[in-house]
C-alpha atoms as a PDB file:
ATOM      1  CA  UNK A   1       0.365  -0.184  -0.034  1.00  0.00           C
ATOM      2  CA  UNK A   2       1.231   3.520  -0.681  1.00  0.00           C
ATOM      3  CA  UNK A   3       1.875   5.695   2.379  1.00  0.00           C
ATOM      4  CA  UNK A   4      -0.440   8.550   3.136  1.00  0.00           C
ATOM      5  CA  UNK A   5       1.248  11.908   2.114  1.00  0.00           C
ATOM      6  CA  UNK A   6       1.084  14.336   4.963  1.00  0.00           C
ATOM      7  CA  UNK A   7       1.699  18.200   5.169  1.00  0.00           C
ATOM      8  CA  UNK A   8       2.157  20.128   8.379  1.00  0.00           C
ATOM      9  CA  UNK A   9       0.993  23.773   8.386  1.00  0.00           C
ATOM     10  CA  UNK A  10       1.500  25.425  11.706  1.00  0.00           C
ATOM     11  CA  UNK A  11       3.421  28.699  12.539  1.00  0.00           C
ATOM     12  CA  UNK A  12       5.370  27.082  15.486  1.00  0.00           C
ATOM     13  CA  UNK A  13       8.660  25.497  14.731  1.00  0.00           C
ATOM     14  CA  UNK A  14       8.462  23.087  17.414  1.00  0.00           C
ATOM     15  CA  UNK A  15       5.073  21.737  16.617  1.00  0.00           C
ATOM     16  CA  UNK A  16       6.183  21.310  12.637  1.00  0.00           C
ATOM     17  CA  UNK A  17       9.513  19.506  13.698  1.00  0.00           C
ATOM     18  CA  UNK A  18       7.383  17.472  16.616  1.00  0.00           C
ATOM     19  CA  UNK A  19       4.682  16.060  14.585  1.00  0.00           C
ATOM     20  CA  UNK A  20       7.060  15.299  11.795  1.00  0.00           C
ATOM     21  CA  UNK A  21       9.038  13.228  14.115  1.00  0.00           C
ATOM     22  CA  UNK A  22       5.452  11.131  15.070  1.00  0.00           C
ATOM     23  CA  UNK A  23       3.913  11.228  11.951  1.00  0.00           C
ATOM     24  CA  UNK A  24       7.118  10.040  10.067  1.00  0.00           C
ATOM     25  CA  UNK A  25       7.339   7.002  12.547  1.00  0.00           C
ATOM     26  CA  UNK A  26       3.975   5.565  11.406  1.00  0.00           C
ATOM     27  CA  UNK A  27       4.814   3.504   8.563  1.00  0.00           C
ATOM     28  CA  UNK A  28       1.286   4.148   7.015  1.00  0.00           C
ATOM     29  CA  UNK A  29       2.253   7.863   6.582  1.00  0.00           C
ATOM     30  CA  UNK A  30       4.751  10.078   4.753  1.00  0.00           C
ATOM     31  CA  UNK A  31       5.332  13.707   5.618  1.00  0.00           C
ATOM     32  CA  UNK A  32       6.118  15.225   2.406  1.00  0.00           C
ATOM     33  CA  UNK A  33       6.336  18.907   3.509  1.00  0.00           C
ATOM     34  CA  UNK A  34       5.580  21.756   6.021  1.00  0.00           C
ATOM     35  CA  UNK A  35       4.802  25.152   6.237  1.00  0.00           C
ATOM     36  CA  UNK A  36       4.865  27.834   8.440  1.00  0.00           C
ATOM     37  CA  UNK A  37       1.833  29.764   7.005  1.00  0.00           C
ATOM     38  CA  UNK A  38      -1.064  28.961   4.501  1.00  0.00           C
ATOM     39  CA  UNK A  39       1.017  30.742   1.692  1.00  0.00           C
ATOM     40  CA  UNK A  40       3.798  28.612   2.221  1.00  0.00           C
ATOM     41  CA  UNK A  41       1.215  25.664   2.273  1.00  0.00           C
ATOM     42  CA  UNK A  42       0.450  26.709  -1.524  1.00  0.00           C
ATOM     43  CA  UNK A  43       3.635  26.538  -2.824  1.00  0.00           C
ATOM     44  CA  UNK A  44       4.753  23.122  -1.195  1.00  0.00           C
ATOM     45  CA  UNK A  45       1.198  21.856  -2.328  1.00  0.00           C
ATOM     46  CA  UNK A  46       1.705  23.165  -6.458  1.00  0.00           C
ATOM     47  CA  UNK A  47       5.105  20.480  -6.233  1.00  0.00           C
ATOM     48  CA  UNK A  48       3.249  17.701  -4.621  1.00  0.00           C
ATOM     49  CA  UNK A  49      -0.154  17.291  -3.756  1.00  0.00           C
ATOM     50  CA  UNK A  50      -0.980  15.999  -0.025  1.00  0.00           C
ATOM     51  CA  UNK A  51      -3.600  13.153   0.990  1.00  0.00           C
ATOM     52  CA  UNK A  52      -4.078  15.002   4.058  1.00  0.00           C
ATOM     53  CA  UNK A  53      -3.416  18.510   5.537  1.00  0.00           C
ATOM     54  CA  UNK A  54      -2.797  19.025   9.910  1.00  0.00           C
ATOM     55  CA  UNK A  55      -3.787  23.056  10.175  1.00  0.00           C
ATOM     56  CA  UNK A  56      -3.140  25.371  13.026  1.00  0.00           C
ATOM     57  CA  UNK A  57      -5.879  28.253  13.076  1.00  0.00           C
ATOM     58  CA  UNK A  58      -3.799  31.170  14.302  1.00  0.00           C
ATOM     59  CA  UNK A  59      -0.943  31.671  11.989  1.00  0.00           C
ATOM     60  CA  UNK A  60       0.527  35.088  10.068  1.00  0.00           C
ATOM     61  CA  UNK A  61      -0.784  36.411   6.922  1.00  0.00           C
ATOM     62  CA  UNK A  62      -3.794  34.508   6.664  1.00  0.00           C
ATOM     63  CA  UNK A  63      -5.503  31.892   9.486  1.00  0.00           C
ATOM     64  CA  UNK A  64      -6.142  28.623   8.930  1.00  0.00           C
ATOM     65  CA  UNK A  65      -9.964  29.542   9.238  1.00  0.00           C
ATOM     66  CA  UNK A  66     -10.118  31.253   5.837  1.00  0.00           C
ATOM     67  CA  UNK A  67      -7.306  28.833   4.523  1.00  0.00           C
ATOM     68  CA  UNK A  68      -9.813  25.771   5.198  1.00  0.00           C
ATOM     69  CA  UNK A  69     -12.345  27.660   3.699  1.00  0.00           C
ATOM     70  CA  UNK A  70     -10.454  28.079   0.381  1.00  0.00           C
ATOM     71  CA  UNK A  71      -9.202  24.561   0.147  1.00  0.00           C
ATOM     72  CA  UNK A  72     -12.814  22.877   0.473  1.00  0.00           C
ATOM     73  CA  UNK A  73     -14.592  25.372  -1.768  1.00  0.00           C
ATOM     74  CA  UNK A  74     -12.008  25.199  -4.505  1.00  0.00           C
ATOM     75  CA  UNK A  75      -9.666  21.600  -4.236  1.00  0.00           C
ATOM     76  CA  UNK A  76     -11.086  20.079  -1.031  1.00  0.00           C
ATOM     77  CA  UNK A  77      -8.474  17.874   0.740  1.00  0.00           C
ATOM     78  CA  UNK A  78      -9.113  16.147   3.991  1.00  0.00           C
ATOM     79  CA  UNK A  79      -8.170  18.524   6.881  1.00  0.00           C
ATOM     80  CA  UNK A  80      -7.380  17.762  10.490  1.00  0.00           C
ATOM     81  CA  UNK A  81      -7.175  20.798  12.497  1.00  0.00           C
ATOM     82  CA  UNK A  82      -4.352  20.626  15.353  1.00  0.00           C
ATOM     83  CA  UNK A  83      -4.846  24.038  17.503  1.00  0.00           C
ATOM     84  CA  UNK A  84      -5.140  25.628  20.445  1.00  0.00           C
ATOM     85  CA  UNK A  85      -8.628  26.518  20.043  1.00  0.00           C
ATOM     86  CA  UNK A  86     -10.079  26.368  23.574  1.00  0.00           C
ATOM     87  CA  UNK A  87      -7.490  29.098  24.881  1.00  0.00           C
ATOM     88  CA  UNK A  88      -9.924  32.055  23.097  1.00  0.00           C
ATOM     89  CA  UNK A  89     -12.878  29.985  23.032  1.00  0.00           C
ATOM     90  CA  UNK A  90     -14.390  27.409  20.683  1.00  0.00           C
ATOM     91  CA  UNK A  91     -16.556  29.253  18.273  1.00  0.00           C
ATOM     92  CA  UNK A  92     -13.315  29.326  15.687  1.00  0.00           C
ATOM     93  CA  UNK A  93     -13.294  25.170  16.363  1.00  0.00           C
ATOM     94  CA  UNK A  94     -17.052  24.830  15.308  1.00  0.00           C
ATOM     95  CA  UNK A  95     -16.257  27.146  12.353  1.00  0.00           C
ATOM     96  CA  UNK A  96     -13.599  24.406  11.355  1.00  0.00           C
ATOM     97  CA  UNK A  97     -16.011  21.749  11.424  1.00  0.00           C
ATOM     98  CA  UNK A  98     -18.654  23.696   9.565  1.00  0.00           C
ATOM     99  CA  UNK A  99     -16.216  24.878   6.900  1.00  0.00           C
ATOM    100  CA  UNK A 100     -15.335  20.912   6.138  1.00  0.00           C
ATOM    101  CA  UNK A 101     -12.621  20.029   8.497  1.00  0.00           C
ATOM    102  CA  UNK A 102     -12.397  16.077   9.161  1.00  0.00           C
ATOM    103  CA  UNK A 103     -11.505  16.163  12.803  1.00  0.00           C
ATOM    104  CA  UNK A 104     -10.261  18.579  15.352  1.00  0.00           C
ATOM    105  CA  UNK A 105      -7.174  17.770  17.817  1.00  0.00           C
ATOM    106  CA  UNK A 106      -7.087  20.476  20.575  1.00  0.00           C
ATOM    107  CA  UNK A 107      -3.206  20.789  21.836  1.00  0.00           C
ATOM    108  CA  UNK A 108      -2.591  22.841  25.228  1.00  0.00           C
ATOM    109  CA  UNK A 109      -1.249  26.458  25.691  1.00  0.00           C
ATOM    110  CA  UNK A 110       1.890  24.658  27.534  1.00  0.00           C
ATOM    111  CA  UNK A 111       4.154  21.906  26.736  1.00  0.00           C
ATOM    112  CA  UNK A 112       2.974  21.422  23.385  1.00  0.00           C
ATOM    113  CA  UNK A 113       5.767  18.941  22.546  1.00  0.00           C
ATOM    114  CA  UNK A 114       5.255  16.872  25.275  1.00  0.00           C
ATOM    115  CA  UNK A 115       1.519  16.935  24.694  1.00  0.00           C
ATOM    116  CA  UNK A 116       2.318  16.062  20.922  1.00  0.00           C
ATOM    117  CA  UNK A 117       4.487  12.897  22.091  1.00  0.00           C
ATOM    118  CA  UNK A 118       2.092  11.521  24.363  1.00  0.00           C
ATOM    119  CA  UNK A 119      -1.046  11.374  21.865  1.00  0.00           C
ATOM    120  CA  UNK A 120       1.085  10.254  18.843  1.00  0.00           C
ATOM    121  CA  UNK A 121      -0.884   7.230  18.289  1.00  0.00           C
ATOM    122  CA  UNK A 122      -4.473   9.075  18.443  1.00  0.00           C
ATOM    123  CA  UNK A 123      -2.852  11.626  16.157  1.00  0.00           C
ATOM    124  CA  UNK A 124      -1.108   9.167  13.628  1.00  0.00           C
ATOM    125  CA  UNK A 125      -4.492   6.939  13.633  1.00  0.00           C
ATOM    126  CA  UNK A 126      -6.740  10.296  13.259  1.00  0.00           C
ATOM    127  CA  UNK A 127      -4.709  11.698  10.192  1.00  0.00           C
ATOM    128  CA  UNK A 128      -4.512   8.111   8.411  1.00  0.00           C
ATOM    129  CA  UNK A 129      -8.721   7.699   8.852  1.00  0.00           C
ATOM    130  CA  UNK A 130      -8.749  11.275   7.748  1.00  0.00           C
ATOM    131  CA  UNK A 131      -6.939  10.410   4.533  1.00  0.00           C
ATOM    132  CA  UNK A 132     -10.054   8.072   4.417  1.00  0.00           C
ATOM    133  CA  UNK A 133     -12.652  10.109   4.737  1.00  0.00           C
ATOM    134  CA  UNK A 134     -15.396  10.939   1.868  1.00  0.00           C
ATOM    135  CA  UNK A 135     -15.517  15.039   0.840  1.00  0.00           C
ATOM    136  CA  UNK A 136     -16.670  16.816  -1.515  1.00  0.00           C
ATOM    137  CA  UNK A 137     -16.357  20.999  -2.542  1.00  0.00           C
ATOM    138  CA  UNK A 138     -17.820  22.406   0.037  1.00  0.00           C
ATOM    139  CA  UNK A 139     -19.160  26.067  -0.599  1.00  0.00           C
ATOM    140  CA  UNK A 140     -20.479  27.316   3.210  1.00  0.00           C
ATOM    141  CA  UNK A 141     -23.106  29.709   3.630  1.00  0.00           C
ATOM    142  CA  UNK A 142     -24.353  31.214   6.786  1.00  0.00           C
ATOM    143  CA  UNK A 143     -27.882  29.431   7.455  1.00  0.00           C
ATOM    144  CA  UNK A 144     -30.401  31.594   8.404  1.00  0.00           C
ATOM    145  CA  UNK A 145     -31.684  31.478  12.077  1.00  0.00           C
ATOM    146  CA  UNK A 146     -35.437  30.981  12.424  1.00  0.00           C
ATOM    147  CA  UNK A 147     -37.678  31.937  14.938  1.00  0.00           C
ATOM    148  CA  UNK A 148     -38.453  28.788  17.219  1.00  0.00           C
ATOM    149  CA  UNK A 149     -40.789  28.023  20.115  1.00  0.00           C
ATOM    150  CA  UNK A 150     -39.395  27.938  23.809  1.00  0.00           C
ATOM    151  CA  UNK A 151     -38.207  24.870  25.854  1.00  0.00           C
ATOM    152  CA  UNK A 152     -41.479  25.552  27.880  1.00  0.00           C
ATOM    153  CA  UNK A 153     -44.032  25.723  25.200  1.00  0.00           C
ATOM    154  CA  UNK A 154     -42.782  22.257  24.108  1.00  0.00           C
ATOM    155  CA  UNK A 155     -43.000  21.088  28.033  1.00  0.00           C
ATOM    156  CA  UNK A 156     -46.421  22.297  28.058  1.00  0.00           C
ATOM    157  CA  UNK A 157     -47.911  20.896  24.472  1.00  0.00           C
ATOM    158  CA  UNK A 158     -46.296  17.075  26.096  1.00  0.00           C
ATOM    159  CA  UNK A 159     -48.069  17.572  29.423  1.00  0.00           C
ATOM    160  CA  UNK A 160     -51.713  17.849  27.322  1.00  0.00           C
ATOM    161  CA  UNK A 161     -51.189  14.298  26.418  1.00  0.00           C
ATOM    162  CA  UNK A 162     -52.204  11.400  28.754  1.00  0.00           C
ATOM    163  CA  UNK A 163     -48.758  10.389  30.349  1.00  0.00           C
ATOM    164  CA  UNK A 164     -51.057   7.388  32.023  1.00  0.00           C
ATOM    165  CA  UNK A 165     -51.561   5.549  29.133  1.00  0.00           C
ATOM    166  CA  UNK A 166     -48.243   5.934  27.082  1.00  0.00           C
ATOM    167  CA  UNK A 167     -44.797   6.808  27.828  1.00  0.00           C
ATOM    168  CA  UNK A 168     -42.671   8.983  25.917  1.00  0.00           C
ATOM    169  CA  UNK A 169     -40.093   7.601  23.383  1.00  0.00           C
ATOM    170  CA  UNK A 170     -36.437   8.254  23.568  1.00  0.00           C
ATOM    171  CA  UNK A 171     -34.186   8.656  20.613  1.00  0.00           C
ATOM    172  CA  UNK A 172     -30.580   7.692  21.258  1.00  0.00           C
ATOM    173  CA  UNK A 173     -27.815   9.074  18.769  1.00  0.00           C
ATOM    174  CA  UNK A 174     -24.064   8.336  18.628  1.00  0.00           C
ATOM    175  CA  UNK A 175     -21.302  10.009  16.138  1.00  0.00           C
ATOM    176  CA  UNK A 176     -17.720  10.768  15.730  1.00  0.00           C
ATOM    177  CA  UNK A 177     -15.989  12.059  12.759  1.00  0.00           C
ATOM    178  CA  UNK A 178     -18.185  14.195  10.393  1.00  0.00           C
ATOM    179  CA  UNK A 179     -20.899  13.889  12.943  1.00  0.00           C
ATOM    180  CA  UNK A 180     -20.968  17.710  13.622  1.00  0.00           C
ATOM    181  CA  UNK A 181     -22.322  18.363  10.458  1.00  0.00           C
ATOM    182  CA  UNK A 182     -24.463  15.093   9.900  1.00  0.00           C
ATOM    183  CA  UNK A 183     -26.386  16.148  13.620  1.00  0.00           C
ATOM    184  CA  UNK A 184     -26.602  19.608  12.064  1.00  0.00           C
ATOM    185  CA  UNK A 185     -28.267  18.570   9.140  1.00  0.00           C
ATOM    186  CA  UNK A 186     -30.454  15.930  10.990  1.00  0.00           C
ATOM    187  CA  UNK A 187     -31.354  18.114  13.785  1.00  0.00           C
ATOM    188  CA  UNK A 188     -32.455  21.174  12.157  1.00  0.00           C
ATOM    189  CA  UNK A 189     -34.674  19.028   9.924  1.00  0.00           C
ATOM    190  CA  UNK A 190     -36.957  17.809  13.510  1.00  0.00           C
ATOM    191  CA  UNK A 191     -39.938  19.585  14.181  1.00  0.00           C
ATOM    192  CA  UNK A 192     -40.231  21.567  17.458  1.00  0.00           C
ATOM    193  CA  UNK A 193     -42.248  18.891  19.255  1.00  0.00           C
ATOM    194  CA  UNK A 194     -40.472  15.457  18.330  1.00  0.00           C
ATOM    195  CA  UNK A 195     -39.306  12.902  20.756  1.00  0.00           C
ATOM    196  CA  UNK A 196     -36.799  13.769  23.188  1.00  0.00           C
ATOM    197  CA  UNK A 197     -33.133  13.155  21.890  1.00  0.00           C
ATOM    198  CA  UNK A 198     -29.973  12.410  24.001  1.00  0.00           C
ATOM    199  CA  UNK A 199     -26.560  12.717  21.799  1.00  0.00           C
ATOM    200  CA  UNK A 200     -23.247  11.747  22.232  1.00  0.00           C
ATOM    201  CA  UNK A 201     -20.594  12.986  19.837  1.00  0.00           C
ATOM    202  CA  UNK A 202     -17.272  12.462  20.350  1.00  0.00           C
ATOM    203  CA  UNK A 203     -15.505  15.881  20.944  1.00  0.00           C
ATOM    204  CA  UNK A 204     -12.891  17.385  22.878  1.00  0.00           C
ATOM    205  CA  UNK A 205     -13.764  19.179  26.564  1.00  0.00           C
ATOM    206  CA  UNK A 206     -15.304  22.843  26.091  1.00  0.00           C
ATOM    207  CA  UNK A 207     -16.015  22.085  22.196  1.00  0.00           C
ATOM    208  CA  UNK A 208     -19.498  20.590  23.428  1.00  0.00           C
ATOM    209  CA  UNK A 209     -21.470  23.522  25.052  1.00  0.00           C
ATOM    210  CA  UNK A 210     -20.483  25.643  21.842  1.00  0.00           C
ATOM    211  CA  UNK A 211     -21.205  23.013  19.649  1.00  0.00           C
ATOM    212  CA  UNK A 212     -24.599  22.724  21.468  1.00  0.00           C
ATOM    213  CA  UNK A 213     -25.125  26.520  21.399  1.00  0.00           C
ATOM    214  CA  UNK A 214     -24.756  27.184  18.072  1.00  0.00           C
ATOM    215  CA  UNK A 215     -27.292  23.941  17.017  1.00  0.00           C
ATOM    216  CA  UNK A 216     -29.693  25.564  19.439  1.00  0.00           C
ATOM    217  CA  UNK A 217     -29.520  28.946  17.189  1.00  0.00           C
ATOM    218  CA  UNK A 218     -30.164  26.829  14.339  1.00  0.00           C
ATOM    219  CA  UNK A 219     -33.207  24.384  15.035  1.00  0.00           C
ATOM    220  CA  UNK A 220     -36.442  24.534  15.881  1.00  0.00           C
ATOM    221  CA  UNK A 221     -35.961  22.140  18.779  1.00  0.00           C
ATOM    222  CA  UNK A 222     -34.044  23.052  21.947  1.00  0.00           C
ATOM    223  CA  UNK A 223     -30.522  21.694  22.054  1.00  0.00           C
ATOM    224  CA  UNK A 224     -28.324  21.989  25.076  1.00  0.00           C
ATOM    225  CA  UNK A 225     -24.963  20.651  26.434  1.00  0.00           C
ATOM    226  CA  UNK A 226     -26.503  18.040  28.924  1.00  0.00           C
ATOM    227  CA  UNK A 227     -25.849  18.631  32.599  1.00  0.00           C
ATOM    228  CA  UNK A 228     -26.426  15.850  35.314  1.00  0.00           C
ATOM    229  CA  UNK A 229     -30.208  15.088  36.396  1.00  0.00           C
ATOM    230  CA  UNK A 230     -31.569  17.075  32.959  1.00  0.00           C
ATOM    231  CA  UNK A 231     -34.857  15.541  31.991  1.00  0.00           C
ATOM    232  CA  UNK A 232     -35.244  14.044  28.279  1.00  0.00           C
ATOM    233  CA  UNK A 233     -38.247  16.080  27.274  1.00  0.00           C
ATOM    234  CA  UNK A 234     -39.945  16.556  23.818  1.00  0.00           C
ATOM    235  CA  UNK A 235     -38.377  19.268  21.666  1.00  0.00           C
ATOM    236  CA  UNK A 236     -35.379  19.007  23.623  1.00  0.00           C
ATOM    237  CA  UNK A 237     -31.697  17.268  22.064  1.00  0.00           C
ATOM    238  CA  UNK A 238     -29.048  17.117  25.126  1.00  0.00           C
ATOM    239  CA  UNK A 239     -25.453  16.638  23.884  1.00  0.00           C
ATOM    240  CA  UNK A 240     -23.057  14.348  26.361  1.00  0.00           C
ATOM    241  CA  UNK A 241     -20.594  17.346  27.609  1.00  0.00           C
ATOM    242  CA  UNK A 242     -17.088  16.455  26.461  1.00  0.00           C
ATOM    243  CA  UNK A 243     -14.902  13.970  28.899  1.00  0.00           C
ATOM    244  CA  UNK A 244     -17.893  13.106  30.777  1.00  0.00           C
ATOM    245  CA  UNK A 245     -20.039   9.780  29.798  1.00  0.00           C
ATOM    246  CA  UNK A 246     -23.851  10.181  29.471  1.00  0.00           C
ATOM    247  CA  UNK A 247     -26.345   7.509  30.893  1.00  0.00           C
ATOM    248  CA  UNK A 248     -30.035   7.519  30.060  1.00  0.00           C
ATOM    249  CA  UNK A 249     -31.960   6.761  33.356  1.00  0.00           C
ATOM    250  CA  UNK A 250     -35.196   6.546  34.402  1.00  0.00           C
ATOM    251  CA  UNK A 251     -37.828   7.113  37.168  1.00  0.00           C
ATOM    252  CA  UNK A 252     -41.156   6.405  36.873  1.00  0.00           C
ATOM    253  CA  UNK A 253     -42.149   8.102  33.359  1.00  0.00           C
ATOM    254  CA  UNK A 254     -39.712  10.465  33.491  1.00  0.00           C
ATOM    255  CA  UNK A 255     -36.258   9.870  31.715  1.00  0.00           C
ATOM    256  CA  UNK A 256     -33.652  11.950  32.651  1.00  0.00           C
ATOM    257  CA  UNK A 257     -29.890  12.023  32.192  1.00  0.00           C
ATOM    258  CA  UNK A 258     -26.648  11.055  34.686  1.00  0.00           C
ATOM    259  CA  UNK A 259     -23.473  12.640  33.973  1.00  0.00           C
ATOM    260  CA  UNK A 260     -20.419  11.114  35.547  1.00  0.00           C
ATOM    261  CA  UNK A 261     -16.756  10.661  35.078  1.00  0.00           C
ATOM    262  CA  UNK A 262     -15.237   6.986  34.258  1.00  0.00           C
ATOM    263  CA  UNK A 263     -13.216   5.320  32.298  1.00  0.00           C
ATOM    264  CA  UNK A 264     -12.553   5.383  28.527  1.00  0.00           C
ATOM    265  CA  UNK A 265     -14.593   3.125  26.892  1.00  0.00           C
ATOM    266  CA  UNK A 266     -13.491   2.105  23.495  1.00  0.00           C
ATOM    267  CA  UNK A 267     -10.906   4.756  23.637  1.00  0.00           C
ATOM    268  CA  UNK A 268     -13.799   7.408  24.335  1.00  0.00           C
ATOM    269  CA  UNK A 269     -15.545   9.391  26.961  1.00  0.00           C
ATOM    270  CA  UNK A 270     -18.007   9.929  26.172  1.00  0.00           C
ATOM    271  CA  UNK A 271     -18.737   6.564  24.983  1.00  0.00           C
ATOM    272  CA  UNK A 272     -21.659   5.864  22.334  1.00  0.00           C
ATOM    273  CA  UNK A 273     -22.171   2.431  24.021  1.00  0.00           C
ATOM    274  CA  UNK A 274     -22.066   3.599  27.277  1.00  0.00           C
ATOM    275  CA  UNK A 275     -25.176   5.700  25.997  1.00  0.00           C
ATOM    276  CA  UNK A 276     -26.874   2.807  24.261  1.00  0.00           C
ATOM    277  CA  UNK A 277     -26.325   0.213  26.974  1.00  0.00           C
ATOM    278  CA  UNK A 278     -28.331   2.740  29.402  1.00  0.00           C
ATOM    279  CA  UNK A 279     -30.810   3.611  26.788  1.00  0.00           C
ATOM    280  CA  UNK A 280     -31.042  -0.978  26.087  1.00  0.00           C
ATOM    281  CA  UNK A 281     -31.619  -0.837  30.042  1.00  0.00           C
ATOM    282  CA  UNK A 282     -34.227   1.911  30.781  1.00  0.00           C
ATOM    283  CA  UNK A 283     -35.905   2.877  27.733  1.00  0.00           C
ATOM    284  CA  UNK A 284     -35.791  -0.707  25.410  1.00  0.00           C
ATOM    285  CA  UNK A 285     -38.722  -0.990  22.844  1.00  0.00           C
ATOM    286  CA  UNK A 286     -39.788   2.741  23.974  1.00  0.00           C
ATOM    287  CA  UNK A 287     -36.148   3.891  22.365  1.00  0.00           C
ATOM    288  CA  UNK A 288     -34.803   4.236  18.788  1.00  0.00           C
ATOM    289  CA  UNK A 289     -31.215   4.001  18.392  1.00  0.00           C
ATOM    290  CA  UNK A 290     -28.999   5.529  15.263  1.00  0.00           C
ATOM    291  CA  UNK A 291     -25.325   5.348  14.775  1.00  0.00           C
ATOM    292  CA  UNK A 292     -24.129   8.056  12.623  1.00  0.00           C
ATOM    293  CA  UNK A 293     -20.745   8.588  10.541  1.00  0.00           C
ATOM    294  CA  UNK A 294     -17.394   7.817  12.484  1.00  0.00           C
ATOM    295  CA  UNK A 295     -14.308   6.404  12.871  1.00  0.00           C
ATOM    296  CA  UNK A 296     -13.708   3.122  14.578  1.00  0.00           C
ATOM    297  CA  UNK A 297     -16.476   1.071  16.262  1.00  0.00           C
ATOM    298  CA  UNK A 298     -17.894   3.042  19.329  1.00  0.00           C
ATOM    299  CA  UNK A 299     -21.316   2.514  19.699  1.00  0.00           C
ATOM    300  CA  UNK A 300     -21.869  -0.988  17.489  1.00  0.00           C
ATOM    301  CA  UNK A 301     -22.216  -3.273  20.489  1.00  0.00           C
ATOM    302  CA  UNK A 302     -24.652  -1.187  22.045  1.00  0.00           C
ATOM    303  CA  UNK A 303     -26.656  -0.510  19.356  1.00  0.00           C
ATOM    304  CA  UNK A 304     -27.155  -4.560  19.076  1.00  0.00           C
ATOM    305  CA  UNK A 305     -28.190  -4.655  22.917  1.00  0.00           C
ATOM    306  CA  UNK A 306     -30.775  -1.571  21.855  1.00  0.00           C
ATOM    307  CA  UNK A 307     -31.971  -3.629  19.156  1.00  0.00           C
ATOM    308  CA  UNK A 308     -32.291  -7.007  21.367  1.00  0.00           C
ATOM    309  CA  UNK A 309     -34.255  -4.820  23.865  1.00  0.00           C
ATOM    310  CA  UNK A 310     -36.819  -3.778  21.112  1.00  0.00           C
ATOM    311  CA  UNK A 311     -35.576  -0.463  20.101  1.00  0.00           C
ATOM    312  CA  UNK A 312     -35.688   0.074  16.793  1.00  0.00           C
ATOM    313  CA  UNK A 313     -32.277   0.680  15.284  1.00  0.00           C
ATOM    314  CA  UNK A 314     -30.715   2.890  12.309  1.00  0.00           C
ATOM    315  CA  UNK A 315     -27.359   2.972  10.781  1.00  0.00           C
ATOM    316  CA  UNK A 316     -26.389   6.152   8.501  1.00  0.00           C
ATOM    317  CA  UNK A 317     -24.963   4.554   4.620  1.00  0.00           C
ATOM    318  CA  UNK A 318     -22.036   4.353   3.431  1.00  0.00           C
ATOM    319  CA  UNK A 319     -22.776   6.919   0.923  1.00  0.00           C
ATOM    320  CA  UNK A 320     -23.561   9.861   3.031  1.00  0.00           C
ATOM    321  CA  UNK A 321     -21.089   9.142   5.625  1.00  0.00           C
ATOM    322  CA  UNK A 322     -17.760  11.420   6.204  1.00  0.00           C
ATOM    323  CA  UNK A 323     -16.175   8.044   7.521  1.00  0.00           C
ATOM    324  CA  UNK A 324     -17.907   4.809   7.735  1.00  0.00           C
ATOM    325  CA  UNK A 325     -16.442   3.348  10.515  1.00  0.00           C
ATOM    326  CA  UNK A 326     -19.069   3.158  13.149  1.00  0.00           C
ATOM    327  CA  UNK A 327     -21.789   2.278  11.352  1.00  0.00           C
ATOM    328  CA  UNK A 328     -20.134  -0.085   9.268  1.00  0.00           C
ATOM    329  CA  UNK A 329     -19.508  -2.085  12.681  1.00  0.00           C
ATOM    330  CA  UNK A 330     -23.024  -1.901  13.517  1.00  0.00           C
ATOM    331  CA  UNK A 331     -23.986  -3.239  10.570  1.00  0.00           C
ATOM    332  CA  UNK A 332     -21.903  -6.163  10.750  1.00  0.00           C
ATOM    333  CA  UNK A 333     -22.978  -6.889  13.878  1.00  0.00           C
ATOM    334  CA  UNK A 334     -26.920  -7.106  12.729  1.00  0.00           C
ATOM    335  CA  UNK A 335     -27.354  -4.185  14.680  1.00  0.00           C
ATOM    336  CA  UNK A 336     -29.389  -1.643  12.867  1.00  0.00           C
ATOM    337  CA  UNK A 337     -33.281  -2.736  11.759  1.00  0.00           C
ATOM    338  CA  UNK A 338     -32.328  -0.279   8.676  1.00  0.00           C
ATOM    339  CA  UNK A 339     -29.818   1.395   7.027  1.00  0.00           C
ATOM    340  CA  UNK A 340     -30.786   4.860   5.632  1.00  0.00           C
ATOM    341  CA  UNK A 341     -28.819   7.646   3.662  1.00  0.00           C
ATOM    342  CA  UNK A 342     -28.739  11.057   6.490  1.00  0.00           C
ATOM    343  CA  UNK A 343     -31.153  13.156   4.906  1.00  0.00           C
ATOM    344  CA  UNK A 344     -34.288   9.832   5.468  1.00  0.00           C
ATOM    345  CA  UNK A 345     -33.132   9.893   8.830  1.00  0.00           C
ATOM    346  CA  UNK A 346     -35.541  12.649  10.340  1.00  0.00           C
ATOM    347  CA  UNK A 347     -38.357  11.339   8.554  1.00  0.00           C
ATOM    348  CA  UNK A 348     -37.933   8.011   9.847  1.00  0.00           C
ATOM    349  CA  UNK A 349     -37.830   9.628  13.354  1.00  0.00           C
ATOM    350  CA  UNK A 350     -40.934  11.412  12.903  1.00  0.00           C
END
């Protein structure tokens, strides 16, 4: 197999050198060059086209987001953002995902060299997987924010129905690489009174609140970063906070979430398998499980547990996935009742 060709773009000489060393140590990868800013990167790309670009955001002459936007609208190449985004807030990170970045790795302000060396396996795996991501030309248009119903209006509507004879449905969703855009498309298509939704999206700590706030602006439903004991209600989606597991629990007719610490599961925290297992246990046939685009196999076994507990389960199809990893593993286990393109999933929920 030919090696994956990588171009490193970062204004820090230390980061360029350290990244080069760890990526070169992986037999699957080949570093074809480094650049201190986007203008130098373009010159390098004219000599040899990379398969993947690792990109910083804060750089001289042209920032990484502007460069990313140009790449994805003209000659799309998989991009992995490696940046200290959380130092000045995470809106730039959310924008990077909206513009088409495959994945984000957040580096700290201090001891960046030590961090990169410690996380070398994750970085190498992410770069390798990014090379196989399905991407296309992307012209980003700022979405128009529509008026929306408040959570109070949604809750009032749900209490007007007979809760004695029926149990509220719960939709559990798991996603990873490519999931931010998939979730945006899916949630924006849902009506304000859709079933309560719980979501695990693999994302660094602090990013999940900005991501939830952004979706809350765009969607008819309410979207928020989950807090411990938040109730799962109609018209609201709860997103597991970065670095914490989220479990669905039930007390009488009320569903709520437990947000807790714990070990990494499938090398992730939050883990989709944790959410899906708890949903299988406490919601059973009252639930729907959905596994979206992402690398690895987190969520596959949990989706099977949901199906065995009577839940209706969906896997996103390969054609609409950025990375057909998690859905593929779930399908192989026989965990999905149905395989659907992303644009058909919202209608199936409804």
